[in-house]
Amino acid sequence: MVVDPDIRHGKPVIKGTRVPVELVLGSLAGGMDIENVCEEYGLEREDVHAVIDYALRRISGEEVTSLEA
């Protein structure tokens, strides 16, 4: 993943492309399979796997706090 303020306003994109990470994740969450995502955005399977890994690493350190009423 690459974050460059001159590409997509600094949102993370797949290296060598202008395809935002959030677009790939949203497509997968919406039911597209990896092959379709690759075809739709001109990516390789490794790119999609890198997006999933990136998302996992981003949330792995999150702390969840219960909000009790």
N, C-alpha and C. Protein backbone atom coordinates (compact mmCIF):
# COMPACT_ATOMS: atom_id res chain seq x y z
N MET A 1 0.84 -1.16 0.00
CA MET A 1 0.00 0.00 0.00
C MET A 1 0.89 1.24 0.00
N VAL A 2 0.36 2.28 -0.58
CA VAL A 2 1.08 3.55 -0.67
C VAL A 2 0.14 4.65 -0.22
N VAL A 3 0.68 5.58 0.54
CA VAL A 3 -0.07 6.77 0.91
C VAL A 3 0.72 7.97 0.40
N ASP A 4 0.12 8.69 -0.52
CA ASP A 4 0.77 9.84 -1.14
C ASP A 4 -0.27 10.95 -1.21
N PRO A 5 0.04 12.12 -0.63
CA PRO A 5 -0.95 13.20 -0.63
C PRO A 5 -1.37 13.64 -2.03
N ASP A 6 -0.57 13.33 -3.04
CA ASP A 6 -0.90 13.72 -4.42
C ASP A 6 -1.75 12.67 -5.14
N ILE A 7 -1.98 11.54 -4.50
CA ILE A 7 -2.80 10.48 -5.11
C ILE A 7 -4.00 10.23 -4.21
N ARG A 8 -5.19 10.44 -4.75
CA ARG A 8 -6.44 10.18 -4.04
C ARG A 8 -6.49 10.87 -2.67
N HIS A 9 -5.97 12.08 -2.62
CA HIS A 9 -6.00 12.90 -1.40
C HIS A 9 -5.36 12.21 -0.20
N GLY A 10 -4.35 11.39 -0.45
CA GLY A 10 -3.62 10.74 0.63
C GLY A 10 -4.25 9.48 1.18
N LYS A 11 -5.31 9.00 0.56
CA LYS A 11 -5.91 7.74 1.01
C LYS A 11 -5.02 6.59 0.51
N PRO A 12 -4.95 5.49 1.28
CA PRO A 12 -4.11 4.37 0.86
C PRO A 12 -4.60 3.76 -0.46
N VAL A 13 -3.66 3.54 -1.36
CA VAL A 13 -3.93 2.91 -2.64
C VAL A 13 -2.98 1.73 -2.83
N ILE A 14 -3.32 0.87 -3.76
CA ILE A 14 -2.45 -0.24 -4.09
C ILE A 14 -1.26 0.30 -4.88
N LYS A 15 -0.08 -0.08 -4.44
CA LYS A 15 1.15 0.42 -5.06
C LYS A 15 1.13 0.20 -6.57
N GLY A 16 1.50 1.24 -7.30
CA GLY A 16 1.56 1.17 -8.76
C GLY A 16 0.22 1.41 -9.42
N THR A 17 -0.80 1.71 -8.62
CA THR A 17 -2.14 1.97 -9.16
C THR A 17 -2.72 3.20 -8.47
N ARG A 18 -3.91 3.55 -8.87
CA ARG A 18 -4.67 4.59 -8.18
C ARG A 18 -5.92 3.99 -7.55
N VAL A 19 -5.89 2.66 -7.36
CA VAL A 19 -7.04 1.95 -6.82
C VAL A 19 -7.00 2.03 -5.29
N PRO A 20 -7.99 2.68 -4.69
CA PRO A 20 -8.01 2.83 -3.23
C PRO A 20 -8.28 1.51 -2.51
N VAL A 21 -7.63 1.35 -1.38
CA VAL A 21 -7.83 0.17 -0.54
C VAL A 21 -9.31 0.04 -0.17
N GLU A 22 -9.94 1.14 0.19
CA GLU A 22 -11.34 1.08 0.62
C GLU A 22 -12.26 0.60 -0.50
N LEU A 23 -11.92 0.88 -1.74
CA LEU A 23 -12.73 0.42 -2.87
C LEU A 23 -12.67 -1.10 -2.99
N VAL A 24 -11.47 -1.65 -2.84
CA VAL A 24 -11.30 -3.10 -2.92
C VAL A 24 -12.02 -3.77 -1.75
N LEU A 25 -11.84 -3.25 -0.54
CA LEU A 25 -12.51 -3.83 0.62
C LEU A 25 -14.03 -3.74 0.48
N GLY A 26 -14.52 -2.63 0.01
CA GLY A 26 -15.96 -2.46 -0.19
C GLY A 26 -16.50 -3.42 -1.22
N SER A 27 -15.74 -3.66 -2.26
CA SER A 27 -16.16 -4.60 -3.30
C SER A 27 -16.23 -6.02 -2.75
N LEU A 28 -15.23 -6.40 -1.96
CA LEU A 28 -15.24 -7.72 -1.35
C LEU A 28 -16.39 -7.84 -0.36
N ALA A 29 -16.59 -6.82 0.46
CA ALA A 29 -17.68 -6.83 1.44
C ALA A 29 -19.03 -6.88 0.75
N GLY A 30 -19.11 -6.31 -0.44
CA GLY A 30 -20.36 -6.30 -1.19
C GLY A 30 -20.65 -7.60 -1.92
N GLY A 31 -19.73 -8.55 -1.83
CA GLY A 31 -20.00 -9.87 -2.41
C GLY A 31 -19.18 -10.23 -3.63
N MET A 32 -18.37 -9.31 -4.14
CA MET A 32 -17.52 -9.67 -5.29
C MET A 32 -16.45 -10.65 -4.83
N ASP A 33 -16.13 -11.62 -5.69
CA ASP A 33 -15.03 -12.50 -5.34
C ASP A 33 -13.72 -11.91 -5.85
N ILE A 34 -12.63 -12.49 -5.41
CA ILE A 34 -11.31 -11.94 -5.71
C ILE A 34 -11.08 -11.84 -7.22
N GLU A 35 -11.49 -12.86 -7.96
CA GLU A 35 -11.28 -12.85 -9.40
C GLU A 35 -12.00 -11.68 -10.06
N ASN A 36 -13.24 -11.43 -9.62
CA ASN A 36 -14.00 -10.31 -10.18
C ASN A 36 -13.36 -8.97 -9.82
N VAL A 37 -12.90 -8.85 -8.61
CA VAL A 37 -12.23 -7.61 -8.18
C VAL A 37 -11.00 -7.37 -9.05
N CYS A 38 -10.23 -8.42 -9.27
CA CYS A 38 -9.03 -8.30 -10.11
C CYS A 38 -9.38 -7.85 -11.52
N GLU A 39 -10.41 -8.46 -12.09
CA GLU A 39 -10.83 -8.09 -13.45
C GLU A 39 -11.35 -6.65 -13.50
N GLU A 40 -12.17 -6.29 -12.52
CA GLU A 40 -12.80 -4.98 -12.50
C GLU A 40 -11.79 -3.84 -12.39
N TYR A 41 -10.76 -4.04 -11.58
CA TYR A 41 -9.82 -2.95 -11.29
C TYR A 41 -8.41 -3.17 -11.84
N GLY A 42 -8.22 -4.23 -12.63
CA GLY A 42 -6.92 -4.49 -13.23
C GLY A 42 -5.84 -4.85 -12.22
N LEU A 43 -6.21 -5.68 -11.24
CA LEU A 43 -5.30 -6.04 -10.17
C LEU A 43 -4.88 -7.50 -10.27
N GLU A 44 -3.88 -7.84 -9.51
CA GLU A 44 -3.45 -9.23 -9.36
C GLU A 44 -4.01 -9.76 -8.04
N ARG A 45 -4.11 -11.07 -7.92
CA ARG A 45 -4.58 -11.68 -6.66
C ARG A 45 -3.74 -11.21 -5.49
N GLU A 46 -2.44 -11.08 -5.70
CA GLU A 46 -1.54 -10.64 -4.63
C GLU A 46 -1.90 -9.24 -4.13
N ASP A 47 -2.38 -8.39 -5.05
CA ASP A 47 -2.80 -7.04 -4.66
C ASP A 47 -3.99 -7.11 -3.69
N VAL A 48 -4.95 -7.96 -4.03
CA VAL A 48 -6.15 -8.08 -3.19
C VAL A 48 -5.77 -8.68 -1.84
N HIS A 49 -4.90 -9.67 -1.85
CA HIS A 49 -4.45 -10.25 -0.58
C HIS A 49 -3.70 -9.22 0.26
N ALA A 50 -2.94 -8.36 -0.39
CA ALA A 50 -2.22 -7.30 0.33
C ALA A 50 -3.20 -6.32 0.97
N VAL A 51 -4.31 -6.04 0.30
CA VAL A 51 -5.34 -5.16 0.85
C VAL A 51 -5.94 -5.79 2.11
N ILE A 52 -6.25 -7.07 2.04
CA ILE A 52 -6.82 -7.76 3.19
C ILE A 52 -5.83 -7.77 4.35
N ASP A 53 -4.57 -8.04 4.06
CA ASP A 53 -3.53 -8.03 5.09
C ASP A 53 -3.39 -6.64 5.70
N TYR A 54 -3.42 -5.62 4.87
CA TYR A 54 -3.32 -4.23 5.35
C TYR A 54 -4.48 -3.93 6.31
N ALA A 55 -5.69 -4.30 5.94
CA ALA A 55 -6.86 -4.06 6.79
C ALA A 55 -6.72 -4.81 8.11
N LEU A 56 -6.27 -6.04 8.05
CA LEU A 56 -6.07 -6.83 9.26
C LEU A 56 -5.07 -6.16 10.20
N ARG A 57 -3.95 -5.70 9.65
CA ARG A 57 -2.94 -5.05 10.48
C ARG A 57 -3.46 -3.74 11.07
N ARG A 58 -4.29 -3.03 10.33
CA ARG A 58 -4.85 -1.75 10.82
C ARG A 58 -5.77 -1.97 12.01
N ILE A 59 -6.57 -3.03 11.97
CA ILE A 59 -7.53 -3.22 13.06
C ILE A 59 -7.01 -4.10 14.18
N SER A 60 -5.90 -4.79 13.98
CA SER A 60 -5.41 -5.74 14.99
C SER A 60 -5.03 -5.05 16.30
N GLY A 61 -4.64 -3.80 16.24
CA GLY A 61 -4.24 -3.10 17.45
C GLY A 61 -5.36 -2.29 18.08
N GLU A 62 -6.54 -2.34 17.50
CA GLU A 62 -7.65 -1.56 18.05
C GLU A 62 -8.11 -2.13 19.37
N GLU A 63 -8.48 -1.23 20.26
CA GLU A 63 -9.04 -1.62 21.54
C GLU A 63 -10.53 -1.36 21.50
N VAL A 64 -11.31 -2.33 21.91
CA VAL A 64 -12.75 -2.19 21.93
C VAL A 64 -13.19 -1.96 23.36
N THR A 65 -13.96 -0.92 23.57
CA THR A 65 -14.45 -0.59 24.90
C THR A 65 -15.96 -0.68 24.92
N SER A 66 -16.48 -1.38 25.93
CA SER A 66 -17.92 -1.50 26.07
C SER A 66 -18.51 -0.21 26.61
N LEU A 67 -19.61 0.23 26.03
CA LEU A 67 -20.30 1.41 26.51
C LEU A 67 -21.56 0.93 27.24
N GLU A 68 -21.45 0.80 28.52
CA GLU A 68 -22.59 0.35 29.30
C GLU A 68 -23.47 1.52 29.70
N ALA A 69 -24.76 1.31 29.61
CA ALA A 69 -25.71 2.39 29.91
C ALA A 69 -25.89 2.60 31.39
